[in-house]
Amino acid sequence: MHTIDRSLIRHLALRSTGVPIYVQLRDQLLHAIGAGVVGPGDQMPTMREVAVALKVDLNTVRRAYDELERRGVITLKRGRGSFVAAPPRLDLAAQDRRTDDLAKRTLALAAAEGVQAEALGLRILALASDPVSPTASTTASTSLQEGLS
């Protein structure tokens, strides 16, 4: 049985940036899961633990967890807790559609924040090529380099 990874809470920090707290929390949890702080099957801290640690309303944390569940990132099991979901196994066409959708959303967010698409692409390439990063992928980096050429 997996144990609750309370160390995840140490990776969370809210800022007064004008970004809603639940969005900050959702994005930070996504980042921690993507970075391998917690993995598939690991139990997440309870919503109450996160709310108390960050001194925010329980409903704010619930909203972030609910969004993560809608995206398929975590599963909520009544009476047992929240668990990191295994990444979906997609066929090649579905994976291409999901990749295109993610790329379009990322580009739209970058444009809204004044970040140039080329700079973003180069930064993603650098991060994907980092051997220390648990998400590093030679295939992803090769594909991105070809796309930027």
N, C-alpha and C. Protein backbone atom coordinates (compact mmCIF):
# COMPACT_ATOMS: atom_id res chain seq x y z
N MET A 1 0.85 -1.19 0.00
CA MET A 1 0.00 0.00 0.00
C MET A 1 0.89 1.24 0.00
N HIS A 2 0.46 2.24 -0.73
CA HIS A 2 1.23 3.48 -0.82
C HIS A 2 0.96 4.35 0.40
N THR A 3 1.99 5.07 0.82
CA THR A 3 1.83 5.97 1.94
C THR A 3 1.60 7.39 1.42
N ILE A 4 1.05 8.20 2.28
CA ILE A 4 0.80 9.58 1.91
C ILE A 4 2.13 10.30 1.85
N ASP A 5 2.36 11.05 0.78
CA ASP A 5 3.61 11.79 0.62
C ASP A 5 3.39 13.22 1.07
N ARG A 6 3.66 13.45 2.35
CA ARG A 6 3.47 14.80 2.90
C ARG A 6 4.58 15.75 2.45
N SER A 7 5.67 15.20 1.90
CA SER A 7 6.75 16.07 1.42
C SER A 7 6.25 16.93 0.25
N LEU A 8 5.21 16.51 -0.40
CA LEU A 8 4.64 17.29 -1.49
C LEU A 8 4.21 18.67 -1.00
N ILE A 9 3.73 18.75 0.20
CA ILE A 9 3.27 20.03 0.76
C ILE A 9 4.42 21.03 0.81
N ARG A 10 5.64 20.56 1.06
CA ARG A 10 6.80 21.47 1.12
C ARG A 10 7.09 22.12 -0.23
N HIS A 11 6.58 21.54 -1.31
CA HIS A 11 6.80 22.10 -2.65
C HIS A 11 5.76 23.17 -3.02
N LEU A 12 4.81 23.41 -2.14
CA LEU A 12 3.73 24.34 -2.44
C LEU A 12 3.97 25.68 -1.76
N ALA A 13 3.82 26.75 -2.53
CA ALA A 13 3.98 28.10 -1.98
C ALA A 13 3.07 29.03 -2.77
N LEU A 14 2.21 29.73 -2.07
CA LEU A 14 1.28 30.64 -2.72
C LEU A 14 1.87 32.04 -2.77
N ARG A 15 1.56 32.75 -3.83
CA ARG A 15 2.09 34.10 -4.02
C ARG A 15 0.94 35.07 -4.29
N SER A 16 1.17 36.32 -3.98
CA SER A 16 0.19 37.38 -4.24
C SER A 16 0.44 37.94 -5.63
N THR A 17 0.03 37.18 -6.64
CA THR A 17 0.30 37.57 -8.03
C THR A 17 -0.96 37.96 -8.78
N GLY A 18 -2.09 37.83 -8.15
CA GLY A 18 -3.35 38.08 -8.84
C GLY A 18 -3.92 36.81 -9.46
N VAL A 19 -3.11 35.74 -9.49
CA VAL A 19 -3.58 34.45 -9.99
C VAL A 19 -4.37 33.79 -8.87
N PRO A 20 -5.59 33.31 -9.16
CA PRO A 20 -6.39 32.67 -8.11
C PRO A 20 -5.61 31.56 -7.39
N ILE A 21 -5.85 31.45 -6.10
CA ILE A 21 -5.13 30.49 -5.28
C ILE A 21 -5.32 29.06 -5.79
N TYR A 22 -6.55 28.70 -6.17
CA TYR A 22 -6.77 27.33 -6.62
C TYR A 22 -5.98 27.05 -7.91
N VAL A 23 -5.80 28.06 -8.76
CA VAL A 23 -5.02 27.89 -10.00
C VAL A 23 -3.55 27.69 -9.65
N GLN A 24 -3.03 28.50 -8.72
CA GLN A 24 -1.64 28.34 -8.29
C GLN A 24 -1.43 26.94 -7.72
N LEU A 25 -2.35 26.52 -6.88
CA LEU A 25 -2.25 25.21 -6.25
C LEU A 25 -2.33 24.10 -7.29
N ARG A 26 -3.29 24.18 -8.19
CA ARG A 26 -3.44 23.18 -9.24
C ARG A 26 -2.16 23.08 -10.08
N ASP A 27 -1.64 24.24 -10.49
CA ASP A 27 -0.45 24.25 -11.33
C ASP A 27 0.78 23.71 -10.60
N GLN A 28 0.91 24.05 -9.33
CA GLN A 28 2.05 23.56 -8.55
C GLN A 28 1.96 22.06 -8.32
N LEU A 29 0.76 21.55 -8.11
CA LEU A 29 0.58 20.11 -7.95
C LEU A 29 0.89 19.40 -9.27
N LEU A 30 0.42 19.96 -10.38
CA LEU A 30 0.74 19.40 -11.70
C LEU A 30 2.24 19.35 -11.92
N HIS A 31 2.92 20.44 -11.57
CA HIS A 31 4.37 20.50 -11.73
C HIS A 31 5.06 19.44 -10.87
N ALA A 32 4.63 19.31 -9.62
CA ALA A 32 5.25 18.33 -8.72
C ALA A 32 5.03 16.90 -9.23
N ILE A 33 3.86 16.63 -9.75
CA ILE A 33 3.58 15.29 -10.30
C ILE A 33 4.43 15.07 -11.54
N GLY A 34 4.49 16.07 -12.42
CA GLY A 34 5.29 15.97 -13.63
C GLY A 34 6.77 15.82 -13.34
N ALA A 35 7.24 16.43 -12.25
CA ALA A 35 8.66 16.37 -11.88
C ALA A 35 9.00 15.10 -11.12
N GLY A 36 7.99 14.28 -10.83
CA GLY A 36 8.26 13.01 -10.16
C GLY A 36 8.33 13.09 -8.65
N VAL A 37 7.89 14.22 -8.05
CA VAL A 37 7.86 14.32 -6.59
C VAL A 37 6.94 13.23 -6.04
N VAL A 38 5.85 13.00 -6.72
CA VAL A 38 4.95 11.88 -6.43
C VAL A 38 4.67 11.19 -7.75
N GLY A 39 4.43 9.89 -7.69
CA GLY A 39 4.23 9.13 -8.91
C GLY A 39 2.91 8.40 -8.92
N PRO A 40 2.61 7.75 -10.04
CA PRO A 40 1.35 7.01 -10.15
C PRO A 40 1.14 6.05 -8.98
N GLY A 41 -0.05 6.12 -8.40
CA GLY A 41 -0.40 5.27 -7.27
C GLY A 41 -0.10 5.87 -5.92
N ASP A 42 0.73 6.91 -5.88
CA ASP A 42 1.04 7.54 -4.60
C ASP A 42 -0.16 8.31 -4.09
N GLN A 43 -0.34 8.27 -2.79
CA GLN A 43 -1.44 9.00 -2.18
C GLN A 43 -1.04 10.45 -1.98
N MET A 44 -1.93 11.34 -2.33
CA MET A 44 -1.73 12.77 -2.17
C MET A 44 -2.03 13.15 -0.72
N PRO A 45 -1.50 14.29 -0.27
CA PRO A 45 -1.92 14.79 1.05
C PRO A 45 -3.42 15.05 1.01
N THR A 46 -4.05 14.95 2.15
CA THR A 46 -5.49 15.22 2.18
C THR A 46 -5.73 16.70 1.89
N MET A 47 -6.92 16.99 1.44
CA MET A 47 -7.28 18.38 1.16
C MET A 47 -7.16 19.21 2.43
N ARG A 48 -7.56 18.63 3.55
CA ARG A 48 -7.48 19.35 4.83
C ARG A 48 -6.03 19.64 5.20
N GLU A 49 -5.13 18.68 5.00
CA GLU A 49 -3.72 18.90 5.30
C GLU A 49 -3.16 20.06 4.47
N VAL A 50 -3.50 20.09 3.19
CA VAL A 50 -3.02 21.16 2.32
C VAL A 50 -3.61 22.49 2.76
N ALA A 51 -4.91 22.51 3.06
CA ALA A 51 -5.57 23.75 3.48
C ALA A 51 -4.94 24.30 4.76
N VAL A 52 -4.68 23.44 5.71
CA VAL A 52 -4.09 23.87 6.98
C VAL A 52 -2.66 24.36 6.76
N ALA A 53 -1.88 23.59 5.99
CA ALA A 53 -0.48 23.96 5.76
C ALA A 53 -0.35 25.30 5.04
N LEU A 54 -1.25 25.57 4.09
CA LEU A 54 -1.17 26.80 3.31
C LEU A 54 -2.05 27.92 3.87
N LYS A 55 -2.81 27.59 4.93
CA LYS A 55 -3.70 28.57 5.55
C LYS A 55 -4.70 29.14 4.55
N VAL A 56 -5.36 28.22 3.81
CA VAL A 56 -6.38 28.62 2.85
C VAL A 56 -7.66 27.84 3.15
N ASP A 57 -8.74 28.28 2.56
CA ASP A 57 -10.03 27.63 2.76
C ASP A 57 -10.03 26.23 2.14
N LEU A 58 -10.65 25.29 2.80
CA LEU A 58 -10.73 23.92 2.31
C LEU A 58 -11.37 23.86 0.92
N ASN A 59 -12.38 24.70 0.66
CA ASN A 59 -13.04 24.69 -0.65
C ASN A 59 -12.10 25.12 -1.78
N THR A 60 -11.11 25.94 -1.47
CA THR A 60 -10.12 26.35 -2.46
C THR A 60 -9.28 25.13 -2.88
N VAL A 61 -8.86 24.37 -1.89
CA VAL A 61 -8.07 23.16 -2.17
C VAL A 61 -8.94 22.14 -2.90
N ARG A 62 -10.18 22.01 -2.48
CA ARG A 62 -11.10 21.07 -3.13
C ARG A 62 -11.25 21.42 -4.61
N ARG A 63 -11.34 22.69 -4.93
CA ARG A 63 -11.49 23.11 -6.32
C ARG A 63 -10.26 22.71 -7.15
N ALA A 64 -9.07 22.90 -6.58
CA ALA A 64 -7.83 22.51 -7.28
C ALA A 64 -7.81 20.99 -7.48
N TYR A 65 -8.14 20.22 -6.45
CA TYR A 65 -8.16 18.76 -6.56
C TYR A 65 -9.22 18.31 -7.57
N ASP A 66 -10.38 18.96 -7.55
CA ASP A 66 -11.44 18.60 -8.50
C ASP A 66 -10.98 18.82 -9.95
N GLU A 67 -10.27 19.92 -10.18
CA GLU A 67 -9.76 20.17 -11.54
C GLU A 67 -8.73 19.12 -11.94
N LEU A 68 -7.89 18.73 -11.01
CA LEU A 68 -6.90 17.69 -11.30
C LEU A 68 -7.60 16.36 -11.60
N GLU A 69 -8.69 16.10 -10.89
CA GLU A 69 -9.43 14.86 -11.15
C GLU A 69 -10.10 14.92 -12.53
N ARG A 70 -10.68 16.06 -12.88
CA ARG A 70 -11.31 16.21 -14.21
C ARG A 70 -10.29 16.00 -15.32
N ARG A 71 -9.08 16.42 -15.10
CA ARG A 71 -8.01 16.25 -16.10
C ARG A 71 -7.43 14.84 -16.11
N GLY A 72 -7.84 14.03 -15.13
CA GLY A 72 -7.34 12.66 -15.08
C GLY A 72 -5.97 12.52 -14.44
N VAL A 73 -5.53 13.55 -13.74
CA VAL A 73 -4.21 13.54 -13.10
C VAL A 73 -4.25 12.81 -11.77
N ILE A 74 -5.35 12.96 -11.04
CA ILE A 74 -5.52 12.24 -9.78
C ILE A 74 -6.88 11.57 -9.78
N THR A 75 -7.02 10.60 -8.90
CA THR A 75 -8.32 9.96 -8.70
C THR A 75 -8.70 10.16 -7.24
N LEU A 76 -9.96 10.50 -7.01
CA LEU A 76 -10.47 10.68 -5.66
C LEU A 76 -11.27 9.45 -5.29
N LYS A 77 -10.87 8.81 -4.21
CA LYS A 77 -11.58 7.61 -3.74
C LYS A 77 -12.19 7.94 -2.39
N ARG A 78 -13.53 8.01 -2.39
CA ARG A 78 -14.25 8.39 -1.18
C ARG A 78 -13.85 7.49 -0.01
N GLY A 79 -13.46 8.15 1.08
CA GLY A 79 -13.09 7.42 2.29
C GLY A 79 -11.65 6.90 2.29
N ARG A 80 -10.96 7.00 1.15
CA ARG A 80 -9.59 6.50 1.08
C ARG A 80 -8.59 7.60 0.79
N GLY A 81 -9.00 8.61 0.03
CA GLY A 81 -8.09 9.70 -0.26
C GLY A 81 -7.95 9.96 -1.75
N SER A 82 -6.93 10.73 -2.08
CA SER A 82 -6.64 11.10 -3.46
C SER A 82 -5.32 10.46 -3.87
N PHE A 83 -5.28 9.93 -5.09
CA PHE A 83 -4.11 9.21 -5.57
C PHE A 83 -3.70 9.73 -6.93
N VAL A 84 -2.39 9.73 -7.18
CA VAL A 84 -1.89 10.14 -8.49
C VAL A 84 -2.29 9.05 -9.49
N ALA A 85 -2.91 9.46 -10.57
CA ALA A 85 -3.36 8.51 -11.59
C ALA A 85 -2.20 8.14 -12.51
N ALA A 86 -2.28 6.96 -13.08
CA ALA A 86 -1.30 6.55 -14.08
C ALA A 86 -1.58 7.33 -15.35
N PRO A 87 -0.53 7.73 -16.07
CA PRO A 87 -0.76 8.43 -17.33
C PRO A 87 -1.57 7.55 -18.28
N PRO A 88 -2.49 8.15 -19.04
CA PRO A 88 -3.30 7.35 -19.94
C PRO A 88 -2.44 6.76 -21.07
N ARG A 89 -2.79 5.56 -21.48
CA ARG A 89 -2.12 4.94 -22.63
C ARG A 89 -2.95 5.29 -23.86
N LEU A 90 -2.36 6.09 -24.73
CA LEU A 90 -3.09 6.57 -25.89
C LEU A 90 -2.51 5.99 -27.17
N ASP A 91 -3.39 5.78 -28.15
CA ASP A 91 -2.87 5.38 -29.45
C ASP A 91 -2.18 6.60 -30.07
N LEU A 92 -1.43 6.39 -31.12
CA LEU A 92 -0.63 7.46 -31.71
C LEU A 92 -1.47 8.66 -32.14
N ALA A 93 -2.63 8.43 -32.75
CA ALA A 93 -3.48 9.54 -33.20
C ALA A 93 -4.00 10.34 -32.00
N ALA A 94 -4.43 9.65 -30.96
CA ALA A 94 -4.92 10.34 -29.76
C ALA A 94 -3.80 11.11 -29.08
N GLN A 95 -2.62 10.53 -29.07
CA GLN A 95 -1.47 11.21 -28.47
C GLN A 95 -1.12 12.47 -29.27
N ASP A 96 -1.18 12.40 -30.59
CA ASP A 96 -0.93 13.57 -31.44
C ASP A 96 -1.95 14.67 -31.17
N ARG A 97 -3.23 14.29 -31.05
CA ARG A 97 -4.29 15.28 -30.76
C ARG A 97 -4.05 15.93 -29.40
N ARG A 98 -3.72 15.12 -28.41
CA ARG A 98 -3.48 15.64 -27.06
C ARG A 98 -2.25 16.57 -27.05
N THR A 99 -1.22 16.18 -27.78
CA THR A 99 -0.01 17.00 -27.87
C THR A 99 -0.31 18.33 -28.54
N ASP A 100 -1.06 18.30 -29.64
CA ASP A 100 -1.45 19.53 -30.34
C ASP A 100 -2.28 20.43 -29.42
N ASP A 101 -3.22 19.86 -28.71
CA ASP A 101 -4.07 20.63 -27.80
C ASP A 101 -3.22 21.29 -26.71
N LEU A 102 -2.33 20.52 -26.12
CA LEU A 102 -1.46 21.06 -25.07
C LEU A 102 -0.56 22.17 -25.63
N ALA A 103 -0.01 21.96 -26.81
CA ALA A 103 0.86 22.97 -27.44
C ALA A 103 0.07 24.25 -27.70
N LYS A 104 -1.15 24.14 -28.21
CA LYS A 104 -1.96 25.33 -28.50
C LYS A 104 -2.31 26.09 -27.23
N ARG A 105 -2.67 25.35 -26.16
CA ARG A 105 -2.98 26.01 -24.89
C ARG A 105 -1.74 26.69 -24.32
N THR A 106 -0.60 26.04 -24.43
CA THR A 106 0.65 26.61 -23.92
C THR A 106 1.03 27.86 -24.69
N LEU A 107 0.90 27.82 -26.02
CA LEU A 107 1.20 28.99 -26.84
C LEU A 107 0.25 30.15 -26.54
N ALA A 108 -1.01 29.84 -26.33
CA ALA A 108 -1.99 30.89 -26.00
C ALA A 108 -1.65 31.53 -24.66
N LEU A 109 -1.30 30.71 -23.68
CA LEU A 109 -0.92 31.23 -22.37
C LEU A 109 0.35 32.08 -22.48
N ALA A 110 1.32 31.61 -23.24
CA ALA A 110 2.57 32.36 -23.43
C ALA A 110 2.29 33.71 -24.08
N ALA A 111 1.46 33.71 -25.12
CA ALA A 111 1.13 34.96 -25.80
C ALA A 111 0.43 35.93 -24.84
N ALA A 112 -0.48 35.41 -24.02
CA ALA A 112 -1.19 36.25 -23.06
C ALA A 112 -0.25 36.86 -22.03
N GLU A 113 0.86 36.17 -21.76
CA GLU A 113 1.82 36.65 -20.77
C GLU A 113 3.01 37.36 -21.41
N GLY A 114 2.94 37.56 -22.74
CA GLY A 114 3.99 38.30 -23.43
C GLY A 114 5.26 37.52 -23.70
N VAL A 115 5.17 36.20 -23.71
CA VAL A 115 6.34 35.36 -23.98
C VAL A 115 6.30 34.96 -25.45
N GLN A 116 7.43 35.14 -26.14
CA GLN A 116 7.50 34.79 -27.55
C GLN A 116 7.52 33.28 -27.73
N ALA A 117 6.82 32.80 -28.76
CA ALA A 117 6.72 31.36 -29.03
C ALA A 117 8.09 30.73 -29.24
N GLU A 118 8.98 31.41 -29.95
CA GLU A 118 10.31 30.86 -30.21
C GLU A 118 11.10 30.69 -28.93
N ALA A 119 11.04 31.69 -28.04
CA ALA A 119 11.74 31.61 -26.76
C ALA A 119 11.18 30.48 -25.92
N LEU A 120 9.87 30.32 -25.94
CA LEU A 120 9.24 29.24 -25.20
C LEU A 120 9.69 27.88 -25.74
N GLY A 121 9.70 27.74 -27.07
CA GLY A 121 10.13 26.48 -27.68
C GLY A 121 11.56 26.13 -27.31
N LEU A 122 12.43 27.11 -27.34
CA LEU A 122 13.83 26.86 -26.98
C LEU A 122 13.97 26.48 -25.52
N ARG A 123 13.19 27.12 -24.67
CA ARG A 123 13.25 26.81 -23.23
C ARG A 123 12.72 25.40 -22.97
N ILE A 124 11.64 25.02 -23.64
CA ILE A 124 11.10 23.67 -23.49
C ILE A 124 12.14 22.66 -23.95
N LEU A 125 12.79 22.94 -25.07
CA LEU A 125 13.83 22.05 -25.58
C LEU A 125 14.95 21.89 -24.56
N ALA A 126 15.38 22.99 -23.97
CA ALA A 126 16.45 22.94 -22.98
C ALA A 126 16.03 22.13 -21.76
N LEU A 127 14.80 22.33 -21.30
CA LEU A 127 14.31 21.59 -20.14
C LEU A 127 14.16 20.10 -20.45
N ALA A 128 13.68 19.78 -21.66
CA ALA A 128 13.50 18.38 -22.04
C ALA A 128 14.84 17.69 -22.22
N SER A 129 15.88 18.44 -22.55
CA SER A 129 17.21 17.87 -22.77
C SER A 129 18.01 17.73 -21.49
N ASP A 130 17.53 18.32 -20.41
CA ASP A 130 18.25 18.29 -19.13
C ASP A 130 18.27 16.87 -18.59
N PRO A 131 19.46 16.26 -18.45
CA PRO A 131 19.52 14.88 -17.96
C PRO A 131 19.08 14.74 -16.52
N VAL A 132 19.03 15.82 -15.76
CA VAL A 132 18.60 15.77 -14.38
C VAL A 132 17.08 15.72 -14.28
N SER A 133 16.41 16.25 -15.30
CA SER A 133 14.96 16.32 -15.30
C SER A 133 14.36 14.93 -15.51
N PRO A 134 13.39 14.53 -14.64
CA PRO A 134 12.75 13.22 -14.82
C PRO A 134 11.88 13.16 -16.06
N THR A 135 11.61 14.31 -16.68
CA THR A 135 10.77 14.32 -17.87
C THR A 135 11.60 14.44 -19.13
N ALA A 136 12.93 14.38 -19.00
CA ALA A 136 13.79 14.50 -20.17
C ALA A 136 13.53 13.36 -21.13
N SER A 137 13.53 13.72 -22.41
CA SER A 137 13.27 12.71 -23.42
C SER A 137 14.03 13.04 -24.69
N THR A 138 14.85 12.12 -25.13
CA THR A 138 15.60 12.32 -26.36
C THR A 138 14.65 12.48 -27.53
N THR A 139 13.62 11.67 -27.57
CA THR A 139 12.66 11.74 -28.66
C THR A 139 11.98 13.10 -28.70
N ALA A 140 11.55 13.58 -27.53
CA ALA A 140 10.88 14.88 -27.47
C ALA A 140 11.83 15.98 -27.91
N SER A 141 13.07 15.91 -27.48
CA SER A 141 14.01 16.95 -27.82
C SER A 141 14.33 16.93 -29.31
N THR A 142 14.46 15.74 -29.90
CA THR A 142 14.73 15.62 -31.33
C THR A 142 13.55 16.17 -32.12
N SER A 143 12.34 15.81 -31.73
CA SER A 143 11.15 16.27 -32.43
C SER A 143 11.03 17.78 -32.35
N LEU A 144 11.33 18.35 -31.18
CA LEU A 144 11.21 19.80 -31.01
C LEU A 144 12.28 20.50 -31.85
N GLN A 145 13.50 19.97 -31.87
CA GLN A 145 14.55 20.58 -32.68
C GLN A 145 14.15 20.59 -34.16
N GLU A 146 13.60 19.47 -34.64
CA GLU A 146 13.17 19.40 -36.04
C GLU A 146 12.05 20.41 -36.29
N GLY A 147 11.15 20.56 -35.34
CA GLY A 147 10.03 21.49 -35.51
C GLY A 147 10.49 22.94 -35.50
N LEU A 148 11.58 23.24 -34.80
CA LEU A 148 12.06 24.61 -34.74
C LEU A 148 12.96 24.96 -35.90
N SER A 149 13.43 23.95 -36.66
CA SER A 149 14.34 24.20 -37.79
C SER A 149 13.60 24.76 -38.99
